[in-house]
């Protein structure tokens, strides 16, 4: 079965909490569980990965991105370019700052 939709859908249509226009705590918990599920699938498919780090930090990162940080809309391409290697004389450094938008 395709689990990508289950991971993406909680993030795209968050229910609003009564304390502002922020997603509810229940929504944050659902997204954190989806992050764990996605990391588990990645780890199994690739025969390894940073499973414990991703699972232990899921709530913290999801809370930051959905409730605490006040980020503008993403200005980056939703599909990142292929990795070209570590930065060096012929390879420019690439950051992910466009994915997070502007700080408000």
PDB file of N, CA and C in Angstrom:
ATOM      1  N   UNK A   1       0.826  -1.191   0.000  1.00  0.00           N
ATOM      2  CA  UNK A   1       0.000   0.000   0.000  1.00  0.00           C
ATOM      3  C   UNK A   1       0.869   1.253   0.000  1.00  0.00           C
ATOM      4  N   UNK A   2       0.333   2.327  -0.517  1.00  0.00           N
ATOM      5  CA  UNK A   2       1.063   3.590  -0.594  1.00  0.00           C
ATOM      6  C   UNK A   2       0.877   4.360   0.708  1.00  0.00           C
ATOM      7  N   UNK A   3       1.954   4.491   1.487  1.00  0.00           N
ATOM      8  CA  UNK A   3       1.857   5.184   2.777  1.00  0.00           C
ATOM      9  C   UNK A   3       2.218   6.653   2.666  1.00  0.00           C
ATOM     10  N   UNK A   4       2.667   7.098   1.499  1.00  0.00           N
ATOM     11  CA  UNK A   4       3.047   8.497   1.337  1.00  0.00           C
ATOM     12  C   UNK A   4       1.865   9.417   1.613  1.00  0.00           C
ATOM     13  N   UNK A   5       0.692   9.084   1.139  1.00  0.00           N
ATOM     14  CA  UNK A   5      -0.483   9.929   1.356  1.00  0.00           C
ATOM     15  C   UNK A   5      -0.784  10.067   2.836  1.00  0.00           C
ATOM     16  N   UNK A   6      -0.595   8.999   3.602  1.00  0.00           N
ATOM     17  CA  UNK A   6      -0.854   9.064   5.043  1.00  0.00           C
ATOM     18  C   UNK A   6       0.124   9.997   5.732  1.00  0.00           C
ATOM     19  N   UNK A   7       1.348  10.090   5.211  1.00  0.00           N
ATOM     20  CA  UNK A   7       2.350  10.955   5.815  1.00  0.00           C
ATOM     21  C   UNK A   7       2.103  12.402   5.442  1.00  0.00           C
ATOM     22  N   UNK A   8       1.714  12.659   4.218  1.00  0.00           N
ATOM     23  CA  UNK A   8       1.566  14.033   3.744  1.00  0.00           C
ATOM     24  C   UNK A   8       0.254  14.662   4.178  1.00  0.00           C
ATOM     25  N   UNK A   9      -0.839  13.923   4.169  1.00  0.00           N
ATOM     26  CA  UNK A   9      -2.149  14.528   4.414  1.00  0.00           C
ATOM     27  C   UNK A   9      -2.293  15.214   5.766  1.00  0.00           C
ATOM     28  N   UNK A  10      -1.735  14.697   6.883  1.00  0.00           N
ATOM     29  CA  UNK A  10      -1.901  15.438   8.130  1.00  0.00           C
ATOM     30  C   UNK A  10      -1.214  16.799   8.093  1.00  0.00           C
ATOM     31  N   UNK A  11      -0.179  16.949   7.300  1.00  0.00           N
ATOM     32  CA  UNK A  11       0.563  18.198   7.253  1.00  0.00           C
ATOM     33  C   UNK A  11      -0.155  19.222   6.373  1.00  0.00           C
ATOM     34  N   UNK A  12      -0.829  18.783   5.345  1.00  0.00           N
ATOM     35  CA  UNK A  12      -1.427  19.723   4.397  1.00  0.00           C
ATOM     36  C   UNK A  12      -2.740  20.322   4.880  1.00  0.00           C
ATOM     37  N   UNK A  13      -3.486  19.622   5.734  1.00  0.00           N
ATOM     38  CA  UNK A  13      -4.768  20.150   6.202  1.00  0.00           C
ATOM     39  C   UNK A  13      -4.868  20.049   7.718  1.00  0.00           C
ATOM     40  N   UNK A  14      -4.091  20.871   8.440  1.00  0.00           N
ATOM     41  CA  UNK A  14      -4.121  20.758   9.892  1.00  0.00           C
ATOM     42  C   UNK A  14      -5.385  21.331  10.499  1.00  0.00           C
ATOM     43  N   UNK A  15      -5.948  20.652  11.493  1.00  0.00           N
ATOM     44  CA  UNK A  15      -7.062  21.259  12.220  1.00  0.00           C
ATOM     45  C   UNK A  15      -6.524  22.395  13.078  1.00  0.00           C
ATOM     46  N   UNK A  16      -7.285  23.438  13.253  1.00  0.00           N
ATOM     47  CA  UNK A  16      -6.835  24.596  14.013  1.00  0.00           C
ATOM     48  C   UNK A  16      -7.187  24.431  15.489  1.00  0.00           C
ATOM     49  N   UNK A  17      -6.319  24.927  16.354  1.00  0.00           N
ATOM     50  CA  UNK A  17      -6.591  24.888  17.784  1.00  0.00           C
ATOM     51  C   UNK A  17      -7.336  26.147  18.186  1.00  0.00           C
ATOM     52  N   UNK A  18      -7.891  26.148  19.376  1.00  0.00           N
ATOM     53  CA  UNK A  18      -8.653  27.307  19.830  1.00  0.00           C
ATOM     54  C   UNK A  18      -7.749  28.434  20.296  1.00  0.00           C
ATOM     55  N   UNK A  19      -6.449  28.175  20.502  1.00  0.00           N
ATOM     56  CA  UNK A  19      -5.555  29.190  21.037  1.00  0.00           C
ATOM     57  C   UNK A  19      -4.852  29.996  19.954  1.00  0.00           C
ATOM     58  N   UNK A  20      -5.304  29.986  18.752  1.00  0.00           N
ATOM     59  CA  UNK A  20      -4.775  30.803  17.648  1.00  0.00           C
ATOM     60  C   UNK A  20      -5.007  30.058  16.356  1.00  0.00           C
ATOM     61  N   UNK A  21      -4.261  30.420  15.365  1.00  0.00           N
ATOM     62  CA  UNK A  21      -4.371  29.724  14.082  1.00  0.00           C
ATOM     63  C   UNK A  21      -3.313  28.635  13.956  1.00  0.00           C
ATOM     64  N   UNK A  22      -2.887  28.102  15.078  1.00  0.00           N
ATOM     65  CA  UNK A  22      -1.878  27.046  15.069  1.00  0.00           C
ATOM     66  C   UNK A  22      -2.534  25.676  15.079  1.00  0.00           C
ATOM     67  N   UNK A  23      -1.873  24.671  14.497  1.00  0.00           N
ATOM     68  CA  UNK A  23      -2.409  23.311  14.550  1.00  0.00           C
ATOM     69  C   UNK A  23      -2.520  22.831  15.997  1.00  0.00           C
ATOM     70  N   UNK A  24      -3.481  21.978  16.257  1.00  0.00           N
ATOM     71  CA  UNK A  24      -3.718  21.466  17.603  1.00  0.00           C
ATOM     72  C   UNK A  24      -2.597  20.517  18.039  1.00  0.00           C
ATOM     73  N   UNK A  25      -2.522  20.292  19.341  1.00  0.00           N
ATOM     74  CA  UNK A  25      -1.547  19.345  19.889  1.00  0.00           C
ATOM     75  C   UNK A  25      -1.822  17.945  19.335  1.00  0.00           C
ATOM     76  N   UNK A  26      -3.084  17.592  19.194  1.00  0.00           N
ATOM     77  CA  UNK A  26      -3.450  16.299  18.635  1.00  0.00           C
ATOM     78  C   UNK A  26      -2.890  16.154  17.210  1.00  0.00           C
ATOM     79  N   UNK A  27      -2.968  17.221  16.431  1.00  0.00           N
ATOM     80  CA  UNK A  27      -2.422  17.188  15.076  1.00  0.00           C
ATOM     81  C   UNK A  27      -0.904  17.020  15.098  1.00  0.00           C
ATOM     82  N   UNK A  28      -0.232  17.718  16.011  1.00  0.00           N
ATOM     83  CA  UNK A  28       1.224  17.591  16.141  1.00  0.00           C
ATOM     84  C   UNK A  28       1.588  16.140  16.456  1.00  0.00           C
ATOM     85  N   UNK A  29       0.856  15.501  17.356  1.00  0.00           N
ATOM     86  CA  UNK A  29       1.119  14.107  17.695  1.00  0.00           C
ATOM     87  C   UNK A  29       0.925  13.190  16.490  1.00  0.00           C
ATOM     88  N   UNK A  30      -0.099  13.444  15.692  1.00  0.00           N
ATOM     89  CA  UNK A  30      -0.336  12.619  14.493  1.00  0.00           C
ATOM     90  C   UNK A  30       0.784  12.789  13.472  1.00  0.00           C
ATOM     91  N   UNK A  31       1.230  14.022  13.284  1.00  0.00           N
ATOM     92  CA  UNK A  31       2.319  14.264  12.330  1.00  0.00           C
ATOM     93  C   UNK A  31       3.614  13.635  12.833  1.00  0.00           C
ATOM     94  N   UNK A  32       3.892  13.729  14.140  1.00  0.00           N
ATOM     95  CA  UNK A  32       5.087  13.102  14.707  1.00  0.00           C
ATOM     96  C   UNK A  32       5.054  11.589  14.483  1.00  0.00           C
ATOM     97  N   UNK A  33       3.889  10.977  14.646  1.00  0.00           N
ATOM     98  CA  UNK A  33       3.768   9.541  14.393  1.00  0.00           C
ATOM     99  C   UNK A  33       4.003   9.237  12.910  1.00  0.00           C
ATOM    100  N   UNK A  34       3.522  10.102  12.048  1.00  0.00           N
ATOM    101  CA  UNK A  34       3.746   9.913  10.606  1.00  0.00           C
ATOM    102  C   UNK A  34       5.229  10.035  10.270  1.00  0.00           C
ATOM    103  N   UNK A  35       5.937  10.939  10.947  1.00  0.00           N
ATOM    104  CA  UNK A  35       7.387  11.065  10.747  1.00  0.00           C
ATOM    105  C   UNK A  35       8.070   9.771  11.155  1.00  0.00           C
ATOM    106  N   UNK A  36       7.703   9.240  12.314  1.00  0.00           N
ATOM    107  CA  UNK A  36       8.299   7.979  12.761  1.00  0.00           C
ATOM    108  C   UNK A  36       8.034   6.845  11.767  1.00  0.00           C
ATOM    109  N   UNK A  37       6.809   6.773  11.279  1.00  0.00           N
ATOM    110  CA  UNK A  37       6.447   5.733  10.309  1.00  0.00           C
ATOM    111  C   UNK A  37       7.293   5.871   9.041  1.00  0.00           C
ATOM    112  N   UNK A  38       7.439   7.099   8.577  1.00  0.00           N
ATOM    113  CA  UNK A  38       8.215   7.346   7.356  1.00  0.00           C
ATOM    114  C   UNK A  38       9.681   6.969   7.546  1.00  0.00           C
ATOM    115  N   UNK A  39      10.245   7.316   8.708  1.00  0.00           N
ATOM    116  CA  UNK A  39      11.642   6.986   8.988  1.00  0.00           C
ATOM    117  C   UNK A  39      11.824   5.473   9.116  1.00  0.00           C
ATOM    118  N   UNK A  40      10.872   4.797   9.744  1.00  0.00           N
ATOM    119  CA  UNK A  40      10.949   3.339   9.856  1.00  0.00           C
ATOM    120  C   UNK A  40      10.937   2.706   8.471  1.00  0.00           C
ATOM    121  N   UNK A  41      10.034   3.159   7.599  1.00  0.00           N
ATOM    122  CA  UNK A  41       9.981   2.631   6.229  1.00  0.00           C
ATOM    123  C   UNK A  41      11.301   2.878   5.501  1.00  0.00           C
ATOM    124  N   UNK A  42      11.845   4.080   5.651  1.00  0.00           N
ATOM    125  CA  UNK A  42      13.120   4.414   5.001  1.00  0.00           C
ATOM    126  C   UNK A  42      14.234   3.490   5.509  1.00  0.00           C
ATOM    127  N   UNK A  43      14.280   3.314   6.830  1.00  0.00           N
ATOM    128  CA  UNK A  43      15.335   2.490   7.436  1.00  0.00           C
ATOM    129  C   UNK A  43      15.241   1.048   6.977  1.00  0.00           C
ATOM    130  N   UNK A  44      14.030   0.516   6.921  1.00  0.00           N
ATOM    131  CA  UNK A  44      13.853  -0.862   6.453  1.00  0.00           C
ATOM    132  C   UNK A  44      14.218  -0.985   4.982  1.00  0.00           C
ATOM    133  N   UNK A  45      13.735  -0.065   4.157  1.00  0.00           N
ATOM    134  CA  UNK A  45      13.996  -0.117   2.716  1.00  0.00           C
ATOM    135  C   UNK A  45      15.479   0.005   2.398  1.00  0.00           C
ATOM    136  N   UNK A  46      16.188   0.851   3.146  1.00  0.00           N
ATOM    137  CA  UNK A  46      17.602   1.117   2.869  1.00  0.00           C
ATOM    138  C   UNK A  46      18.554   0.308   3.741  1.00  0.00           C
ATOM    139  N   UNK A  47      18.009  -0.616   4.515  1.00  0.00           N
ATOM    140  CA  UNK A  47      18.816  -1.489   5.363  1.00  0.00           C
ATOM    141  C   UNK A  47      19.682  -0.688   6.333  1.00  0.00           C
ATOM    142  N   UNK A  48      19.126   0.380   6.880  1.00  0.00           N
ATOM    143  CA  UNK A  48      19.841   1.171   7.872  1.00  0.00           C
ATOM    144  C   UNK A  48      19.462   2.633   7.788  1.00  0.00           C
ATOM    145  N   UNK A  49      19.809   3.363   8.821  1.00  0.00           N
ATOM    146  CA  UNK A  49      19.526   4.784   8.880  1.00  0.00           C
ATOM    147  C   UNK A  49      19.550   5.241  10.322  1.00  0.00           C
ATOM    148  N   UNK A  50      19.180   6.475  10.549  1.00  0.00           N
ATOM    149  CA  UNK A  50      19.214   7.062  11.888  1.00  0.00           C
ATOM    150  C   UNK A  50      17.835   6.978  12.537  1.00  0.00           C
ATOM    151  N   UNK A  51      17.371   5.779  12.756  1.00  0.00           N
ATOM    152  CA  UNK A  51      16.024   5.542  13.265  1.00  0.00           C
ATOM    153  C   UNK A  51      15.811   6.136  14.652  1.00  0.00           C
ATOM    154  N   UNK A  52      16.712   5.871  15.587  1.00  0.00           N
ATOM    155  CA  UNK A  52      16.489   6.338  16.962  1.00  0.00           C
ATOM    156  C   UNK A  52      16.535   7.853  17.060  1.00  0.00           C
ATOM    157  N   UNK A  53      17.416   8.510  16.303  1.00  0.00           N
ATOM    158  CA  UNK A  53      17.487   9.964  16.346  1.00  0.00           C
ATOM    159  C   UNK A  53      16.201  10.591  15.816  1.00  0.00           C
ATOM    160  N   UNK A  54      15.704  10.084  14.710  1.00  0.00           N
ATOM    161  CA  UNK A  54      14.486  10.640  14.115  1.00  0.00           C
ATOM    162  C   UNK A  54      13.276  10.381  14.999  1.00  0.00           C
ATOM    163  N   UNK A  55      13.183   9.189  15.561  1.00  0.00           N
ATOM    164  CA  UNK A  55      12.030   8.869  16.405  1.00  0.00           C
ATOM    165  C   UNK A  55      12.044   9.672  17.698  1.00  0.00           C
ATOM    166  N   UNK A  56      13.214   9.873  18.285  1.00  0.00           N
ATOM    167  CA  UNK A  56      13.274  10.588  19.557  1.00  0.00           C
ATOM    168  C   UNK A  56      13.086  12.092  19.396  1.00  0.00           C
ATOM    169  N   UNK A  57      13.326  12.624  18.220  1.00  0.00           N
ATOM    170  CA  UNK A  57      13.191  14.074  18.023  1.00  0.00           C
ATOM    171  C   UNK A  57      11.925  14.460  17.266  1.00  0.00           C
ATOM    172  N   UNK A  58      11.088  13.508  16.940  1.00  0.00           N
ATOM    173  CA  UNK A  58       9.913  13.780  16.103  1.00  0.00           C
ATOM    174  C   UNK A  58       9.011  14.862  16.689  1.00  0.00           C
ATOM    175  N   UNK A  59       8.605  14.739  17.966  1.00  0.00           N
ATOM    176  CA  UNK A  59       7.719  15.747  18.566  1.00  0.00           C
ATOM    177  C   UNK A  59       8.359  17.122  18.606  1.00  0.00           C
ATOM    178  N   UNK A  60       9.639  17.161  18.951  1.00  0.00           N
ATOM    179  CA  UNK A  60      10.324  18.450  19.045  1.00  0.00           C
ATOM    180  C   UNK A  60      10.340  19.151  17.704  1.00  0.00           C
ATOM    181  N   UNK A  61      10.757  18.448  16.665  1.00  0.00           N
ATOM    182  CA  UNK A  61      10.836  19.072  15.338  1.00  0.00           C
ATOM    183  C   UNK A  61       9.463  19.435  14.788  1.00  0.00           C
ATOM    184  N   UNK A  62       8.497  18.551  14.954  1.00  0.00           N
ATOM    185  CA  UNK A  62       7.149  18.825  14.454  1.00  0.00           C
ATOM    186  C   UNK A  62       6.539  20.005  15.212  1.00  0.00           C
ATOM    187  N   UNK A  63       6.741  20.063  16.529  1.00  0.00           N
ATOM    188  CA  UNK A  63       6.231  21.197  17.303  1.00  0.00           C
ATOM    189  C   UNK A  63       6.859  22.498  16.837  1.00  0.00           C
ATOM    190  N   UNK A  64       8.163  22.480  16.597  1.00  0.00           N
ATOM    191  CA  UNK A  64       8.822  23.690  16.105  1.00  0.00           C
ATOM    192  C   UNK A  64       8.224  24.137  14.773  1.00  0.00           C
ATOM    193  N   UNK A  65       8.113  23.214  13.837  1.00  0.00           N
ATOM    194  CA  UNK A  65       7.651  23.588  12.500  1.00  0.00           C
ATOM    195  C   UNK A  65       6.163  23.897  12.425  1.00  0.00           C
ATOM    196  N   UNK A  66       5.340  23.253  13.230  1.00  0.00           N
ATOM    197  CA  UNK A  66       3.902  23.473  13.116  1.00  0.00           C
ATOM    198  C   UNK A  66       3.342  24.479  14.116  1.00  0.00           C
ATOM    199  N   UNK A  67       4.001  24.655  15.286  1.00  0.00           N
ATOM    200  CA  UNK A  67       3.404  25.522  16.313  1.00  0.00           C
ATOM    201  C   UNK A  67       4.300  26.676  16.756  1.00  0.00           C
ATOM    202  N   UNK A  68       5.604  26.474  16.862  1.00  0.00           N
ATOM    203  CA  UNK A  68       6.461  27.480  17.490  1.00  0.00           C
ATOM    204  C   UNK A  68       7.074  28.474  16.506  1.00  0.00           C
ATOM    205  N   UNK A  69       7.661  27.989  15.443  1.00  0.00           N
ATOM    206  CA  UNK A  69       8.310  28.882  14.486  1.00  0.00           C
ATOM    207  C   UNK A  69       7.280  29.603  13.632  1.00  0.00           C
ATOM    208  N   UNK A  70       7.577  30.818  13.290  1.00  0.00           N
ATOM    209  CA  UNK A  70       6.681  31.608  12.452  1.00  0.00           C
ATOM    210  C   UNK A  70       7.370  31.805  11.101  1.00  0.00           C
ATOM    211  N   UNK A  71       7.276  30.789  10.253  1.00  0.00           N
ATOM    212  CA  UNK A  71       7.966  30.796   8.968  1.00  0.00           C
ATOM    213  C   UNK A  71       7.022  31.184   7.843  1.00  0.00           C
ATOM    214  N   UNK A  72       7.559  31.850   6.856  1.00  0.00           N
ATOM    215  CA  UNK A  72       6.780  32.182   5.678  1.00  0.00           C
ATOM    216  C   UNK A  72       6.644  30.979   4.769  1.00  0.00           C
ATOM    217  N   UNK A  73       5.897  31.117   3.680  1.00  0.00           N
ATOM    218  CA  UNK A  73       5.733  29.990   2.751  1.00  0.00           C
ATOM    219  C   UNK A  73       7.052  29.631   2.078  1.00  0.00           C
ATOM    220  N   UNK A  74       7.172  28.371   1.735  1.00  0.00           N
ATOM    221  CA  UNK A  74       8.376  27.890   1.058  1.00  0.00           C
ATOM    222  C   UNK A  74       8.521  28.572  -0.290  1.00  0.00           C
ATOM    223  N   UNK A  75       9.755  28.944  -0.617  1.00  0.00           N
ATOM    224  CA  UNK A  75      10.041  29.548  -1.925  1.00  0.00           C
ATOM    225  C   UNK A  75      10.903  28.613  -2.770  1.00  0.00           C
ATOM    226  N   UNK A  76      11.152  27.413  -2.251  1.00  0.00           N
ATOM    227  CA  UNK A  76      12.000  26.448  -2.953  1.00  0.00           C
ATOM    228  C   UNK A  76      11.147  25.465  -3.741  1.00  0.00           C
ATOM    229  N   UNK A  77      11.776  24.831  -4.695  1.00  0.00           N
ATOM    230  CA  UNK A  77      11.134  23.771  -5.461  1.00  0.00           C
ATOM    231  C   UNK A  77      10.801  22.628  -4.492  1.00  0.00           C
ATOM    232  N   UNK A  78       9.573  22.090  -4.502  1.00  0.00           N
ATOM    233  CA  UNK A  78       9.237  21.017  -3.567  1.00  0.00           C
ATOM    234  C   UNK A  78      10.036  19.736  -3.796  1.00  0.00           C
ATOM    235  N   UNK A  79      10.569  19.557  -4.997  1.00  0.00           N
ATOM    236  CA  UNK A  79      11.426  18.404  -5.289  1.00  0.00           C
ATOM    237  C   UNK A  79      12.857  18.934  -5.391  1.00  0.00           C
ATOM    238  N   UNK A  80      13.713  18.603  -4.414  1.00  0.00           N
ATOM    239  CA  UNK A  80      15.073  19.154  -4.433  1.00  0.00           C
ATOM    240  C   UNK A  80      15.897  18.605  -5.590  1.00  0.00           C
ATOM    241  N   UNK A  81      16.914  19.367  -5.949  1.00  0.00           N
ATOM    242  CA  UNK A  81      17.843  18.922  -6.995  1.00  0.00           C
ATOM    243  C   UNK A  81      18.648  17.737  -6.487  1.00  0.00           C
ATOM    244  N   UNK A  82      19.189  16.959  -7.398  1.00  0.00           N
ATOM    245  CA  UNK A  82      20.023  15.821  -7.019  1.00  0.00           C
ATOM    246  C   UNK A  82      21.258  16.305  -6.267  1.00  0.00           C
ATOM    247  N   UNK A  83      21.720  15.500  -5.319  1.00  0.00           N
ATOM    248  CA  UNK A  83      22.922  15.819  -4.559  1.00  0.00           C
ATOM    249  C   UNK A  83      24.118  15.783  -5.498  1.00  0.00           C
ATOM    250  N   UNK A  84      24.875  16.878  -5.523  1.00  0.00           N
ATOM    251  CA  UNK A  84      26.026  16.974  -6.441  1.00  0.00           C
ATOM    252  C   UNK A  84      27.353  16.744  -5.752  1.00  0.00           C
ATOM    253  N   UNK A  85      27.333  16.476  -4.472  1.00  0.00           N
ATOM    254  CA  UNK A  85      28.566  16.229  -3.734  1.00  0.00           C
ATOM    255  C   UNK A  85      28.810  17.316  -2.711  1.00  0.00           C
ATOM    256  N   UNK A  86      29.810  17.102  -1.891  1.00  0.00           N
ATOM    257  CA  UNK A  86      30.171  18.090  -0.879  1.00  0.00           C
ATOM    258  C   UNK A  86      30.698  19.348  -1.549  1.00  0.00           C
ATOM    259  N   UNK A  87      30.433  20.518  -0.953  1.00  0.00           N
ATOM    260  CA  UNK A  87      30.904  21.775  -1.550  1.00  0.00           C
ATOM    261  C   UNK A  87      32.416  21.787  -1.706  1.00  0.00           C
ATOM    262  N   UNK A  88      32.868  22.377  -2.765  1.00  0.00           N
ATOM    263  CA  UNK A  88      34.296  22.487  -3.046  1.00  0.00           C
ATOM    264  C   UNK A  88      34.519  23.516  -4.129  1.00  0.00           C
ATOM    265  N   UNK A  89      35.708  23.539  -4.698  1.00  0.00           N
ATOM    266  CA  UNK A  89      36.031  24.556  -5.714  1.00  0.00           C
ATOM    267  C   UNK A  89      35.082  24.550  -6.916  1.00  0.00           C
ATOM    268  N   UNK A  90      34.620  23.381  -7.324  1.00  0.00           N
ATOM    269  CA  UNK A  90      33.745  23.296  -8.496  1.00  0.00           C
ATOM    270  C   UNK A  90      32.300  22.949  -8.153  1.00  0.00           C
ATOM    271  N   UNK A  91      32.001  22.826  -6.868  1.00  0.00           N
ATOM    272  CA  UNK A  91      30.643  22.484  -6.435  1.00  0.00           C
ATOM    273  C   UNK A  91      30.196  23.519  -5.409  1.00  0.00           C
ATOM    274  N   UNK A  92      29.230  24.364  -5.773  1.00  0.00           N
ATOM    275  CA  UNK A  92      28.783  25.387  -4.818  1.00  0.00           C
ATOM    276  C   UNK A  92      27.998  24.777  -3.651  1.00  0.00           C
ATOM    277  N   UNK A  93      28.046  25.453  -2.523  1.00  0.00           N
ATOM    278  CA  UNK A  93      27.276  25.020  -1.357  1.00  0.00           C
ATOM    279  C   UNK A  93      25.795  25.280  -1.609  1.00  0.00           C
ATOM    280  N   UNK A  94      24.958  24.350  -1.214  1.00  0.00           N
ATOM    281  CA  UNK A  94      23.510  24.494  -1.365  1.00  0.00           C
ATOM    282  C   UNK A  94      22.898  24.376   0.029  1.00  0.00           C
ATOM    283  N   UNK A  95      22.034  25.300   0.365  1.00  0.00           N
ATOM    284  CA  UNK A  95      21.366  25.252   1.668  1.00  0.00           C
ATOM    285  C   UNK A  95      19.895  24.949   1.466  1.00  0.00           C
ATOM    286  N   UNK A  96      19.206  24.690   2.541  1.00  0.00           N
ATOM    287  CA  UNK A  96      17.770  24.428   2.485  1.00  0.00           C
ATOM    288  C   UNK A  96      16.946  25.613   2.933  1.00  0.00           C
ATOM    289  N   UNK A  97      17.559  26.795   2.998  1.00  0.00           N
ATOM    290  CA  UNK A  97      16.847  27.953   3.538  1.00  0.00           C
ATOM    291  C   UNK A  97      15.595  28.310   2.770  1.00  0.00           C
ATOM    292  N   UNK A  98      15.538  28.088   1.479  1.00  0.00           N
ATOM    293  CA  UNK A  98      14.352  28.406   0.703  1.00  0.00           C
ATOM    294  C   UNK A  98      13.147  27.543   1.054  1.00  0.00           C
ATOM    295  N   UNK A  99      13.413  26.348   1.616  1.00  0.00           N
ATOM    296  CA  UNK A  99      12.332  25.458   2.007  1.00  0.00           C
ATOM    297  C   UNK A  99      11.563  26.001   3.203  1.00  0.00           C
ATOM    298  N   UNK A 100      12.200  26.819   4.005  1.00  0.00           N
ATOM    299  CA  UNK A 100      11.571  27.333   5.221  1.00  0.00           C
ATOM    300  C   UNK A 100      10.943  28.699   5.054  1.00  0.00           C
ATOM    301  N   UNK A 101      11.138  29.348   3.943  1.00  0.00           N
ATOM    302  CA  UNK A 101      10.553  30.665   3.734  1.00  0.00           C
ATOM    303  C   UNK A 101      11.221  31.714   4.592  1.00  0.00           C
ATOM    304  N   UNK A 102      10.633  32.880   4.641  1.00  0.00           N
ATOM    305  CA  UNK A 102      11.172  33.980   5.431  1.00  0.00           C
ATOM    306  C   UNK A 102      10.682  33.885   6.863  1.00  0.00           C
ATOM    307  N   UNK A 103      11.538  34.330   7.792  1.00  0.00           N
ATOM    308  CA  UNK A 103      11.095  34.455   9.188  1.00  0.00           C
ATOM    309  C   UNK A 103      10.243  35.700   9.295  1.00  0.00           C
ATOM    310  N   UNK A 104       9.099  35.583   9.934  1.00  0.00           N
ATOM    311  CA  UNK A 104       8.204  36.729  10.119  1.00  0.00           C
ATOM    312  C   UNK A 104       8.413  37.340  11.479  1.00  0.00           C
TER     313      UNK A 104
END
